[in-house]
Amino acid sequence: MADITEVDYIWKNGEMIPWAEATTHVLSHSLHYGSGVFEGIRCYQNPETKKSYVFRLRDHMERLHRSCKISLIDLPYSVDELCDATIELIRKNKLPSCYIRPIVYRGYGVMGVDPTGAPTDVAIAVWPWDTYLGDGALDNGVAVGVSSWRQRTNNSIPPAVKATASYMNSILAKLEAKEHGYVEAIMLNEAGLVCEGTGENLFVVRDGILSTPPLSDGLLEGITRDTVLCLADDLEIPAIEESLTRSDLYIADEVFMTGSAAELTPIGSVDGRVVGKPGEITRLLQDRFFAVCYGNIEEYSEWLTEI
């Protein structure tokens, strides 16, 4: 994991403020009780045209609004306002490509589990960020392990909410995976079915068919996941949503993870069972994905916001 590279400005509560001044009080409600929601988004620069595009910006901001609605957090900015703020922030920081982190959280004012009366703070940060799972991950794949920690159920913290509180579970699984020598963890749900990584959705390929767990198995409704399903359909790759067991991971011909940070990262082994080098379908989808992100395929232009 790379450290954050500081830039000049962060957008907070409607204003551009210097990076070092983007602070919050130590008694902010969300710091103590995890009552925040966020998004992860990427901006890509086409290496040939030098044009920069934010990938599926509006879809991310709409999901942020849905997370707030489920969490009963009043978000005082519209989707359009958040999109405009993101574009302005990237331009002001003069970033050709970057990672984008919008966050909505309950600020300073009350203490206790009941958040009533706590103000809502909204911030957007951007910074340069390279490969999420390490150098060479996109080309060579990563080793993962099935975690002893289970992912939440539909009636605990709702999987449809990209909540800060949910990621305590991910942190525990991530640290366990590192202790065992793996790059990333895969979590099962309480029924023992494959759910997701610590911050990624999962796909497997077997006998030419692409499979991914259904949303009903407790996973986040990933935007990159949706992208891959759309690309598979356009490329006439058979794709289905079905519940998977850990054995399905062991005997798969190909396995990969998807997410805004992880992008489309192949998995080389699961619990020491070798999957192998990134396969044909993984490579095909990966190449298509980045071609779309760089603005090289006109039919997907509606997914791109030019900076």
C-alpha atoms as a PDB file:
ATOM      1  CA  MET A   1       0.000   0.000   0.000  1.00  0.00           C
ATOM      2  CA  ALA A   2       1.375   3.394  -0.991  1.00  0.00           C
ATOM      3  CA  ASP A   3       1.396   6.378   1.314  1.00  0.00           C
ATOM      4  CA  ILE A   4      -0.821   9.312   0.431  1.00  0.00           C
ATOM      5  CA  THR A   5       0.874  11.950  -1.726  1.00  0.00           C
ATOM      6  CA  GLU A   6      -0.213  15.378  -0.557  1.00  0.00           C
ATOM      7  CA  VAL A   7      -1.570  17.864  -3.067  1.00  0.00           C
ATOM      8  CA  ASP A   8      -2.597  21.507  -2.648  1.00  0.00           C
ATOM      9  CA  TYR A   9      -6.349  21.484  -2.013  1.00  0.00           C
ATOM     10  CA  ILE A  10      -9.232  19.481  -0.556  1.00  0.00           C
ATOM     11  CA  TRP A  11     -12.896  20.334  -1.061  1.00  0.00           C
ATOM     12  CA  LYS A  12     -14.778  20.473   2.245  1.00  0.00           C
ATOM     13  CA  ASN A  13     -18.307  21.656   2.927  1.00  0.00           C
ATOM     14  CA  GLY A  14     -18.470  23.657  -0.288  1.00  0.00           C
ATOM     15  CA  GLU A  15     -15.057  25.302  -0.126  1.00  0.00           C
ATOM     16  CA  MET A  16     -11.588  24.680  -1.498  1.00  0.00           C
ATOM     17  CA  ILE A  17      -9.206  24.652   1.446  1.00  0.00           C
ATOM     18  CA  PRO A  18      -5.464  23.969   1.735  1.00  0.00           C
ATOM     19  CA  TRP A  19      -4.617  20.304   2.297  1.00  0.00           C
ATOM     20  CA  ALA A  20      -3.130  20.893   5.753  1.00  0.00           C
ATOM     21  CA  GLU A  21      -6.256  22.714   6.925  1.00  0.00           C
ATOM     22  CA  ALA A  22      -8.615  19.829   6.103  1.00  0.00           C
ATOM     23  CA  THR A  23      -8.952  18.749   9.721  1.00  0.00           C
ATOM     24  CA  THR A  24     -11.753  17.532  11.967  1.00  0.00           C
ATOM     25  CA  HIS A  25     -12.288  17.527  15.723  1.00  0.00           C
ATOM     26  CA  VAL A  26     -11.183  14.477  17.727  1.00  0.00           C
ATOM     27  CA  LEU A  27     -14.694  14.231  19.180  1.00  0.00           C
ATOM     28  CA  SER A  28     -16.402  14.053  15.799  1.00  0.00           C
ATOM     29  CA  HIS A  29     -19.173  11.466  15.974  1.00  0.00           C
ATOM     30  CA  SER A  30     -17.961   9.390  13.038  1.00  0.00           C
ATOM     31  CA  LEU A  31     -14.472   9.010  14.524  1.00  0.00           C
ATOM     32  CA  HIS A  32     -15.971   7.264  17.548  1.00  0.00           C
ATOM     33  CA  TYR A  33     -18.900   5.364  16.049  1.00  0.00           C
ATOM     34  CA  GLY A  34     -18.076   4.818  12.376  1.00  0.00           C
ATOM     35  CA  SER A  35     -21.104   6.753  11.124  1.00  0.00           C
ATOM     36  CA  GLY A  36     -19.712   7.750   7.752  1.00  0.00           C
ATOM     37  CA  VAL A  37     -20.051   6.726   4.119  1.00  0.00           C
ATOM     38  CA  PHE A  38     -17.623   7.166   1.267  1.00  0.00           C
ATOM     39  CA  GLU A  39     -16.693   6.376  -2.331  1.00  0.00           C
ATOM     40  CA  GLY A  40     -13.532   5.472  -4.232  1.00  0.00           C
ATOM     41  CA  ILE A  41     -13.208   6.768  -7.800  1.00  0.00           C
ATOM     42  CA  ARG A  42     -10.393   7.019 -10.345  1.00  0.00           C
ATOM     43  CA  CYS A  43      -9.403   9.575 -12.939  1.00  0.00           C
ATOM     44  CA  TYR A  44      -7.328   8.289 -15.879  1.00  0.00           C
ATOM     45  CA  GLN A  45      -5.152  10.164 -18.347  1.00  0.00           C
ATOM     46  CA  ASN A  46      -4.952   8.765 -21.860  1.00  0.00           C
ATOM     47  CA  PRO A  47      -1.205   8.355 -22.507  1.00  0.00           C
ATOM     48  CA  GLU A  48      -1.578   9.301 -26.174  1.00  0.00           C
ATOM     49  CA  THR A  49      -4.147  12.106 -26.262  1.00  0.00           C
ATOM     50  CA  LYS A  50      -3.254  13.386 -22.762  1.00  0.00           C
ATOM     51  CA  LYS A  51      -6.962  13.851 -22.073  1.00  0.00           C
ATOM     52  CA  SER A  52      -8.116  12.948 -18.558  1.00  0.00           C
ATOM     53  CA  TYR A  53     -11.382  11.227 -17.647  1.00  0.00           C
ATOM     54  CA  VAL A  54     -13.121  10.380 -14.374  1.00  0.00           C
ATOM     55  CA  PHE A  55     -14.622   6.918 -14.670  1.00  0.00           C
ATOM     56  CA  ARG A  56     -18.344   6.627 -13.845  1.00  0.00           C
ATOM     57  CA  LEU A  57     -18.301   9.730 -11.655  1.00  0.00           C
ATOM     58  CA  ARG A  58     -22.052  10.217 -11.573  1.00  0.00           C
ATOM     59  CA  ASP A  59     -22.701   6.543 -10.739  1.00  0.00           C
ATOM     60  CA  HIS A  60     -20.395   6.848  -7.748  1.00  0.00           C
ATOM     61  CA  MET A  61     -22.027  10.024  -6.464  1.00  0.00           C
ATOM     62  CA  GLU A  62     -25.463   8.457  -6.880  1.00  0.00           C
ATOM     63  CA  ARG A  63     -24.296   5.470  -4.806  1.00  0.00           C
ATOM     64  CA  LEU A  64     -22.991   7.915  -2.183  1.00  0.00           C
ATOM     65  CA  HIS A  65     -26.465   9.420  -1.988  1.00  0.00           C
ATOM     66  CA  ARG A  66     -28.007   5.954  -1.619  1.00  0.00           C
ATOM     67  CA  SER A  67     -25.581   5.134   1.187  1.00  0.00           C
ATOM     68  CA  CYS A  68     -26.606   8.332   2.980  1.00  0.00           C
ATOM     69  CA  LYS A  69     -30.295   7.568   2.546  1.00  0.00           C
ATOM     70  CA  ILE A  70     -29.980   4.090   4.032  1.00  0.00           C
ATOM     71  CA  SER A  71     -27.774   5.436   6.849  1.00  0.00           C
ATOM     72  CA  LEU A  72     -30.148   8.341   7.638  1.00  0.00           C
ATOM     73  CA  ILE A  73     -27.394  10.886   7.004  1.00  0.00           C
ATOM     74  CA  ASP A  74     -28.553  14.202   5.546  1.00  0.00           C
ATOM     75  CA  LEU A  75     -26.336  14.935   2.530  1.00  0.00           C
ATOM     76  CA  PRO A  76     -26.731  18.650   1.743  1.00  0.00           C
ATOM     77  CA  TYR A  77     -25.225  18.497  -1.764  1.00  0.00           C
ATOM     78  CA  SER A  78     -26.823  17.142  -4.919  1.00  0.00           C
ATOM     79  CA  VAL A  79     -25.220  14.624  -7.236  1.00  0.00           C
ATOM     80  CA  ASP A  80     -24.554  17.412  -9.740  1.00  0.00           C
ATOM     81  CA  GLU A  81     -22.913  19.595  -7.091  1.00  0.00           C
ATOM     82  CA  LEU A  82     -20.643  16.767  -5.967  1.00  0.00           C
ATOM     83  CA  CYS A  83     -19.665  15.955  -9.552  1.00  0.00           C
ATOM     84  CA  ASP A  84     -18.909  19.620 -10.278  1.00  0.00           C
ATOM     85  CA  ALA A  85     -16.855  19.907  -7.090  1.00  0.00           C
ATOM     86  CA  THR A  86     -14.811  16.849  -8.064  1.00  0.00           C
ATOM     87  CA  ILE A  87     -14.008  18.233 -11.504  1.00  0.00           C
ATOM     88  CA  GLU A  88     -13.048  21.615 -10.061  1.00  0.00           C
ATOM     89  CA  LEU A  89     -10.848  19.976  -7.413  1.00  0.00           C
ATOM     90  CA  ILE A  90      -8.902  17.874  -9.913  1.00  0.00           C
ATOM     91  CA  ARG A  91      -8.345  20.901 -12.124  1.00  0.00           C
ATOM     92  CA  LYS A  92      -7.260  23.091  -9.187  1.00  0.00           C
ATOM     93  CA  ASN A  93      -4.709  20.486  -8.111  1.00  0.00           C
ATOM     94  CA  LYS A  94      -3.514  20.088 -11.723  1.00  0.00           C
ATOM     95  CA  LEU A  95      -3.649  16.288 -11.588  1.00  0.00           C
ATOM     96  CA  PRO A  96      -3.617  14.394 -14.896  1.00  0.00           C
ATOM     97  CA  SER A  97      -4.686  11.194 -13.120  1.00  0.00           C
ATOM     98  CA  CYS A  98      -5.664  10.496  -9.533  1.00  0.00           C
ATOM     99  CA  TYR A  99      -7.691   8.614  -6.976  1.00  0.00           C
ATOM    100  CA  ILE A 100     -10.790  10.410  -5.659  1.00  0.00           C
ATOM    101  CA  ARG A 101     -12.205   9.976  -2.155  1.00  0.00           C
ATOM    102  CA  PRO A 102     -15.559  11.624  -1.329  1.00  0.00           C
ATOM    103  CA  ILE A 103     -16.642  11.094   2.279  1.00  0.00           C
ATOM    104  CA  VAL A 104     -19.726  12.096   4.244  1.00  0.00           C
ATOM    105  CA  TYR A 105     -19.496  11.870   8.015  1.00  0.00           C
ATOM    106  CA  ARG A 106     -21.116  13.122  11.206  1.00  0.00           C
ATOM    107  CA  GLY A 107     -18.961  15.811  12.729  1.00  0.00           C
ATOM    108  CA  TYR A 108     -18.425  17.452  16.107  1.00  0.00           C
ATOM    109  CA  GLY A 109     -21.353  18.380  18.324  1.00  0.00           C
ATOM    110  CA  VAL A 110     -22.784  15.361  20.136  1.00  0.00           C
ATOM    111  CA  MET A 111     -21.443  12.232  21.796  1.00  0.00           C
ATOM    112  CA  GLY A 112     -23.132   8.890  22.314  1.00  0.00           C
ATOM    113  CA  VAL A 113     -24.533   6.332  19.912  1.00  0.00           C
ATOM    114  CA  ASP A 114     -27.499   8.556  19.031  1.00  0.00           C
ATOM    115  CA  PRO A 115     -26.186  10.921  16.302  1.00  0.00           C
ATOM    116  CA  THR A 116     -29.147  13.312  16.469  1.00  0.00           C
ATOM    117  CA  GLY A 117     -27.841  16.866  16.328  1.00  0.00           C
ATOM    118  CA  ALA A 118     -24.425  16.040  14.890  1.00  0.00           C
ATOM    119  CA  PRO A 119     -23.584  18.169  11.850  1.00  0.00           C
ATOM    120  CA  THR A 120     -22.885  16.542   8.488  1.00  0.00           C
ATOM    121  CA  ASP A 121     -19.436  17.165   7.040  1.00  0.00           C
ATOM    122  CA  VAL A 122     -18.729  16.449   3.373  1.00  0.00           C
ATOM    123  CA  ALA A 123     -15.262  16.318   1.877  1.00  0.00           C
ATOM    124  CA  ILE A 124     -13.601  15.277  -1.376  1.00  0.00           C
ATOM    125  CA  ALA A 125      -9.878  14.552  -1.593  1.00  0.00           C
ATOM    126  CA  VAL A 126      -7.774  13.659  -4.634  1.00  0.00           C
ATOM    127  CA  TRP A 127      -4.206  12.397  -4.857  1.00  0.00           C
ATOM    128  CA  PRO A 128      -1.952  10.389  -7.188  1.00  0.00           C
ATOM    129  CA  TRP A 129      -2.274   6.645  -6.498  1.00  0.00           C
ATOM    130  CA  ASP A 130      -0.815   3.799  -8.509  1.00  0.00           C
ATOM    131  CA  THR A 131      -1.581   0.079  -8.381  1.00  0.00           C
ATOM    132  CA  TYR A 132      -3.593  -0.704  -5.234  1.00  0.00           C
ATOM    133  CA  LEU A 133      -2.394  -4.266  -4.618  1.00  0.00           C
ATOM    134  CA  GLY A 134       1.267  -3.684  -5.382  1.00  0.00           C
ATOM    135  CA  ASP A 135       3.686  -3.420  -8.281  1.00  0.00           C
ATOM    136  CA  GLY A 136       3.093  -6.107 -10.884  1.00  0.00           C
ATOM    137  CA  ALA A 137      -0.312  -7.099  -9.506  1.00  0.00           C
ATOM    138  CA  LEU A 138      -2.220  -6.177 -12.667  1.00  0.00           C
ATOM    139  CA  ASP A 139       0.207  -8.124 -14.849  1.00  0.00           C
ATOM    140  CA  ASN A 140       1.076 -11.134 -12.716  1.00  0.00           C
ATOM    141  CA  GLY A 141      -1.767 -11.535 -10.256  1.00  0.00           C
ATOM    142  CA  VAL A 142      -1.693 -11.796  -6.462  1.00  0.00           C
ATOM    143  CA  ALA A 143      -1.845 -14.514  -3.823  1.00  0.00           C
ATOM    144  CA  VAL A 144      -4.960 -14.461  -1.662  1.00  0.00           C
ATOM    145  CA  GLY A 145      -6.304 -16.456   1.252  1.00  0.00           C
ATOM    146  CA  VAL A 146      -9.799 -17.168   2.543  1.00  0.00           C
ATOM    147  CA  SER A 147     -10.188 -15.306   5.821  1.00  0.00           C
ATOM    148  CA  SER A 148     -11.470 -16.671   9.115  1.00  0.00           C
ATOM    149  CA  TRP A 149     -13.443 -13.419   9.408  1.00  0.00           C
ATOM    150  CA  ARG A 150     -16.931 -13.524   7.881  1.00  0.00           C
ATOM    151  CA  GLN A 151     -18.507 -10.684   5.967  1.00  0.00           C
ATOM    152  CA  ARG A 152     -21.603  -8.933   7.306  1.00  0.00           C
ATOM    153  CA  THR A 153     -25.108 -10.190   6.597  1.00  0.00           C
ATOM    154  CA  ASN A 154     -27.890  -8.255   4.904  1.00  0.00           C
ATOM    155  CA  ASN A 155     -29.475  -7.399   8.252  1.00  0.00           C
ATOM    156  CA  SER A 156     -26.400  -6.133  10.067  1.00  0.00           C
ATOM    157  CA  ILE A 157     -24.649  -3.234   8.334  1.00  0.00           C
ATOM    158  CA  PRO A 158     -26.440  -3.237   4.952  1.00  0.00           C
ATOM    159  CA  PRO A 159     -24.069  -4.314   2.150  1.00  0.00           C
ATOM    160  CA  ALA A 160     -25.588  -1.640  -0.091  1.00  0.00           C
ATOM    161  CA  VAL A 161     -23.976   1.006   2.147  1.00  0.00           C
ATOM    162  CA  LYS A 162     -20.314   1.760   1.540  1.00  0.00           C
ATOM    163  CA  ALA A 163     -19.854   2.569   5.211  1.00  0.00           C
ATOM    164  CA  THR A 164     -16.709   3.408   7.136  1.00  0.00           C
ATOM    165  CA  ALA A 165     -17.894   1.083   9.904  1.00  0.00           C
ATOM    166  CA  SER A 166     -17.963  -1.913   7.523  1.00  0.00           C
ATOM    167  CA  TYR A 167     -14.256  -1.645   6.939  1.00  0.00           C
ATOM    168  CA  MET A 168     -13.269  -2.708  10.451  1.00  0.00           C
ATOM    169  CA  ASN A 169     -14.168  -6.178   9.226  1.00  0.00           C
ATOM    170  CA  SER A 170     -12.011  -5.638   6.152  1.00  0.00           C
ATOM    171  CA  ILE A 171      -9.100  -4.396   8.258  1.00  0.00           C
ATOM    172  CA  LEU A 172      -9.162  -7.528  10.419  1.00  0.00           C
ATOM    173  CA  ALA A 173      -9.240  -9.756   7.327  1.00  0.00           C
ATOM    174  CA  LYS A 174      -6.490  -7.762   5.599  1.00  0.00           C
ATOM    175  CA  LEU A 175      -4.129  -7.946   8.564  1.00  0.00           C
ATOM    176  CA  GLU A 176      -4.770 -11.680   8.931  1.00  0.00           C
ATOM    177  CA  ALA A 177      -4.019 -12.194   5.234  1.00  0.00           C
ATOM    178  CA  LYS A 178      -0.737 -10.279   5.500  1.00  0.00           C
ATOM    179  CA  GLU A 179       0.252 -12.306   8.562  1.00  0.00           C
ATOM    180  CA  HIS A 180      -0.238 -15.476   6.505  1.00  0.00           C
ATOM    181  CA  GLY A 181       1.810 -14.140   3.600  1.00  0.00           C
ATOM    182  CA  TYR A 182      -1.065 -13.230   1.278  1.00  0.00           C
ATOM    183  CA  VAL A 183      -1.595  -9.942  -0.531  1.00  0.00           C
ATOM    184  CA  GLU A 184      -5.351  -9.920  -0.042  1.00  0.00           C
ATOM    185  CA  ALA A 185      -8.149 -11.761   1.772  1.00  0.00           C
ATOM    186  CA  ILE A 186     -11.381 -13.268   0.550  1.00  0.00           C
ATOM    187  CA  MET A 187     -14.270 -13.252   2.998  1.00  0.00           C
ATOM    188  CA  LEU A 188     -17.139 -15.719   3.089  1.00  0.00           C
ATOM    189  CA  ASN A 189     -20.583 -14.729   4.321  1.00  0.00           C
ATOM    190  CA  GLU A 190     -22.258 -16.250   7.375  1.00  0.00           C
ATOM    191  CA  ALA A 191     -23.623 -19.083   5.197  1.00  0.00           C
ATOM    192  CA  GLY A 192     -20.084 -19.984   4.142  1.00  0.00           C
ATOM    193  CA  LEU A 193     -20.485 -18.721   0.579  1.00  0.00           C
ATOM    194  CA  VAL A 194     -17.931 -16.546  -1.199  1.00  0.00           C
ATOM    195  CA  CYS A 195     -18.734 -12.888  -0.608  1.00  0.00           C
ATOM    196  CA  GLU A 196     -15.963 -10.414  -1.510  1.00  0.00           C
ATOM    197  CA  GLY A 197     -12.444  -9.236  -0.799  1.00  0.00           C
ATOM    198  CA  THR A 198     -11.607  -6.577   1.766  1.00  0.00           C
ATOM    199  CA  GLY A 199     -12.470  -3.915  -0.796  1.00  0.00           C
ATOM    200  CA  GLU A 200     -13.196  -5.801  -4.010  1.00  0.00           C
ATOM    201  CA  ASN A 201     -15.785  -7.930  -5.756  1.00  0.00           C
ATOM    202  CA  LEU A 202     -14.826 -11.363  -7.100  1.00  0.00           C
ATOM    203  CA  PHE A 203     -15.118 -13.174 -10.424  1.00  0.00           C
ATOM    204  CA  VAL A 204     -14.195 -16.707 -11.438  1.00  0.00           C
ATOM    205  CA  VAL A 205     -13.939 -18.328 -14.855  1.00  0.00           C
ATOM    206  CA  ARG A 206     -14.527 -22.023 -15.399  1.00  0.00           C
ATOM    207  CA  ASP A 207     -14.983 -23.733 -18.755  1.00  0.00           C
ATOM    208  CA  GLY A 208     -15.288 -20.345 -20.464  1.00  0.00           C
ATOM    209  CA  ILE A 209     -18.120 -19.097 -18.225  1.00  0.00           C
ATOM    210  CA  LEU A 210     -17.683 -16.012 -16.054  1.00  0.00           C
ATOM    211  CA  SER A 211     -19.332 -16.164 -12.605  1.00  0.00           C
ATOM    212  CA  THR A 212     -19.704 -13.702  -9.755  1.00  0.00           C
ATOM    213  CA  PRO A 213     -21.651 -13.931  -6.482  1.00  0.00           C
ATOM    214  CA  PRO A 214     -25.121 -12.338  -6.484  1.00  0.00           C
ATOM    215  CA  LEU A 215     -25.793  -9.211  -4.440  1.00  0.00           C
ATOM    216  CA  SER A 216     -28.091 -11.242  -2.195  1.00  0.00           C
ATOM    217  CA  ASP A 217     -25.026 -13.036  -0.803  1.00  0.00           C
ATOM    218  CA  GLY A 218     -24.066  -9.859   1.056  1.00  0.00           C
ATOM    219  CA  LEU A 219     -21.649  -7.997  -1.199  1.00  0.00           C
ATOM    220  CA  LEU A 220     -21.369  -4.355  -2.129  1.00  0.00           C
ATOM    221  CA  GLU A 221     -23.044  -3.382  -5.386  1.00  0.00           C
ATOM    222  CA  GLY A 222     -19.722  -2.650  -7.021  1.00  0.00           C
ATOM    223  CA  ILE A 223     -19.545  -0.205  -9.911  1.00  0.00           C
ATOM    224  CA  THR A 224     -16.494  -1.924 -11.401  1.00  0.00           C
ATOM    225  CA  ARG A 225     -18.334  -5.231 -10.950  1.00  0.00           C
ATOM    226  CA  ASP A 226     -21.226  -3.835 -12.980  1.00  0.00           C
ATOM    227  CA  THR A 227     -18.749  -2.551 -15.572  1.00  0.00           C
ATOM    228  CA  VAL A 228     -17.220  -6.016 -16.022  1.00  0.00           C
ATOM    229  CA  LEU A 229     -20.641  -7.615 -16.451  1.00  0.00           C
ATOM    230  CA  CYS A 230     -21.499  -5.036 -19.121  1.00  0.00           C
ATOM    231  CA  LEU A 231     -18.181  -5.567 -20.915  1.00  0.00           C
ATOM    232  CA  ALA A 232     -18.595  -9.339 -20.798  1.00  0.00           C
ATOM    233  CA  ASP A 233     -22.005  -9.028 -22.408  1.00  0.00           C
ATOM    234  CA  ASP A 234     -20.626  -6.792 -25.165  1.00  0.00           C
ATOM    235  CA  LEU A 235     -17.735  -9.219 -25.758  1.00  0.00           C
ATOM    236  CA  GLU A 236     -20.167 -12.175 -25.826  1.00  0.00           C
ATOM    237  CA  ILE A 237     -18.521 -13.820 -22.835  1.00  0.00           C
ATOM    238  CA  PRO A 238     -21.115 -15.973 -21.019  1.00  0.00           C
ATOM    239  CA  ALA A 239     -21.596 -14.425 -17.570  1.00  0.00           C
ATOM    240  CA  ILE A 240     -23.823 -15.438 -14.676  1.00  0.00           C
ATOM    241  CA  GLU A 241     -24.455 -14.414 -11.078  1.00  0.00           C
ATOM    242  CA  GLU A 242     -24.376 -17.470  -8.827  1.00  0.00           C
ATOM    243  CA  SER A 243     -23.406 -18.390  -5.292  1.00  0.00           C
ATOM    244  CA  LEU A 244     -19.867 -19.727  -5.033  1.00  0.00           C
ATOM    245  CA  THR A 245     -18.055 -21.854  -2.469  1.00  0.00           C
ATOM    246  CA  ARG A 246     -14.370 -21.725  -1.616  1.00  0.00           C
ATOM    247  CA  SER A 247     -13.949 -24.939  -3.616  1.00  0.00           C
ATOM    248  CA  ASP A 248     -15.140 -23.051  -6.687  1.00  0.00           C
ATOM    249  CA  LEU A 249     -12.180 -20.716  -6.173  1.00  0.00           C
ATOM    250  CA  TYR A 250      -9.738 -23.624  -5.878  1.00  0.00           C
ATOM    251  CA  ILE A 251     -10.775 -25.290  -9.134  1.00  0.00           C
ATOM    252  CA  ALA A 252     -11.413 -22.175 -11.227  1.00  0.00           C
ATOM    253  CA  ASP A 253      -9.521 -21.676 -14.469  1.00  0.00           C
ATOM    254  CA  GLU A 254      -9.232 -17.943 -13.730  1.00  0.00           C
ATOM    255  CA  VAL A 255     -10.021 -15.706 -10.749  1.00  0.00           C
ATOM    256  CA  PHE A 256      -9.863 -11.928 -10.500  1.00  0.00           C
ATOM    257  CA  MET A 257     -10.929  -9.079  -8.227  1.00  0.00           C
ATOM    258  CA  THR A 258     -12.567  -5.807  -9.220  1.00  0.00           C
ATOM    259  CA  GLY A 259     -12.892  -2.416  -7.585  1.00  0.00           C
ATOM    260  CA  SER A 260     -12.155   1.238  -8.223  1.00  0.00           C
ATOM    261  CA  ALA A 261      -8.884   0.956  -6.303  1.00  0.00           C
ATOM    262  CA  ALA A 262      -7.976  -2.601  -7.363  1.00  0.00           C
ATOM    263  CA  GLU A 263      -9.283  -2.042 -10.915  1.00  0.00           C
ATOM    264  CA  LEU A 264      -9.181  -5.543 -12.445  1.00  0.00           C
ATOM    265  CA  THR A 265      -6.529  -7.538 -10.582  1.00  0.00           C
ATOM    266  CA  PRO A 266      -5.905 -11.221 -11.417  1.00  0.00           C
ATOM    267  CA  ILE A 267      -5.549 -13.767  -8.621  1.00  0.00           C
ATOM    268  CA  GLY A 268      -2.662 -16.200  -9.001  1.00  0.00           C
ATOM    269  CA  SER A 269      -3.412 -18.475  -6.060  1.00  0.00           C
ATOM    270  CA  VAL A 270      -6.057 -19.076  -3.383  1.00  0.00           C
ATOM    271  CA  ASP A 271      -4.991 -20.650  -0.075  1.00  0.00           C
ATOM    272  CA  GLY A 272      -1.873 -21.972  -1.793  1.00  0.00           C
ATOM    273  CA  ARG A 273      -3.855 -23.581  -4.639  1.00  0.00           C
ATOM    274  CA  VAL A 274      -2.335 -22.280  -7.856  1.00  0.00           C
ATOM    275  CA  VAL A 275      -4.729 -20.672 -10.305  1.00  0.00           C
ATOM    276  CA  GLY A 276      -1.930 -19.712 -12.654  1.00  0.00           C
ATOM    277  CA  LYS A 277      -1.074 -16.748 -14.800  1.00  0.00           C
ATOM    278  CA  PRO A 278      -3.862 -14.376 -15.825  1.00  0.00           C
ATOM    279  CA  GLY A 279      -6.040 -16.236 -18.309  1.00  0.00           C
ATOM    280  CA  GLU A 280      -7.504 -15.327 -21.674  1.00  0.00           C
ATOM    281  CA  ILE A 281     -10.847 -14.025 -20.412  1.00  0.00           C
ATOM    282  CA  THR A 282      -9.215 -12.056 -17.588  1.00  0.00           C
ATOM    283  CA  ARG A 283      -6.813 -10.431 -20.053  1.00  0.00           C
ATOM    284  CA  LEU A 284      -9.571  -9.696 -22.550  1.00  0.00           C
ATOM    285  CA  LEU A 285     -11.715  -7.983 -19.921  1.00  0.00           C
ATOM    286  CA  GLN A 286      -8.745  -6.187 -18.404  1.00  0.00           C
ATOM    287  CA  ASP A 287      -7.658  -4.781 -21.766  1.00  0.00           C
ATOM    288  CA  ARG A 288     -11.203  -3.718 -22.560  1.00  0.00           C
ATOM    289  CA  PHE A 289     -11.628  -2.115 -19.147  1.00  0.00           C
ATOM    290  CA  PHE A 290      -8.553   0.087 -19.468  1.00  0.00           C
ATOM    291  CA  ALA A 291      -9.377   0.963 -23.069  1.00  0.00           C
ATOM    292  CA  VAL A 292     -12.726   2.246 -21.812  1.00  0.00           C
ATOM    293  CA  CYS A 293     -11.151   4.168 -18.909  1.00  0.00           C
ATOM    294  CA  TYR A 294      -8.687   5.864 -21.282  1.00  0.00           C
ATOM    295  CA  GLY A 295     -11.476   6.968 -23.601  1.00  0.00           C
ATOM    296  CA  ASN A 296     -10.444   4.755 -26.501  1.00  0.00           C
ATOM    297  CA  ILE A 297     -13.869   3.206 -27.140  1.00  0.00           C
ATOM    298  CA  GLU A 298     -16.541   5.681 -28.180  1.00  0.00           C
ATOM    299  CA  GLU A 299     -19.525   3.500 -27.261  1.00  0.00           C
ATOM    300  CA  TYR A 300     -18.662   3.830 -23.559  1.00  0.00           C
ATOM    301  CA  SER A 301     -18.146   7.599 -23.581  1.00  0.00           C
ATOM    302  CA  GLU A 302     -21.189   8.146 -21.338  1.00  0.00           C
ATOM    303  CA  TRP A 303     -19.200   6.538 -18.500  1.00  0.00           C
ATOM    304  CA  LEU A 304     -16.503   9.197 -18.760  1.00  0.00           C
ATOM    305  CA  THR A 305     -16.341  12.752 -17.438  1.00  0.00           C
ATOM    306  CA  GLU A 306     -13.604  14.718 -19.153  1.00  0.00           C
ATOM    307  CA  ILE A 307     -11.505  17.020 -16.994  1.00  0.00           C
END
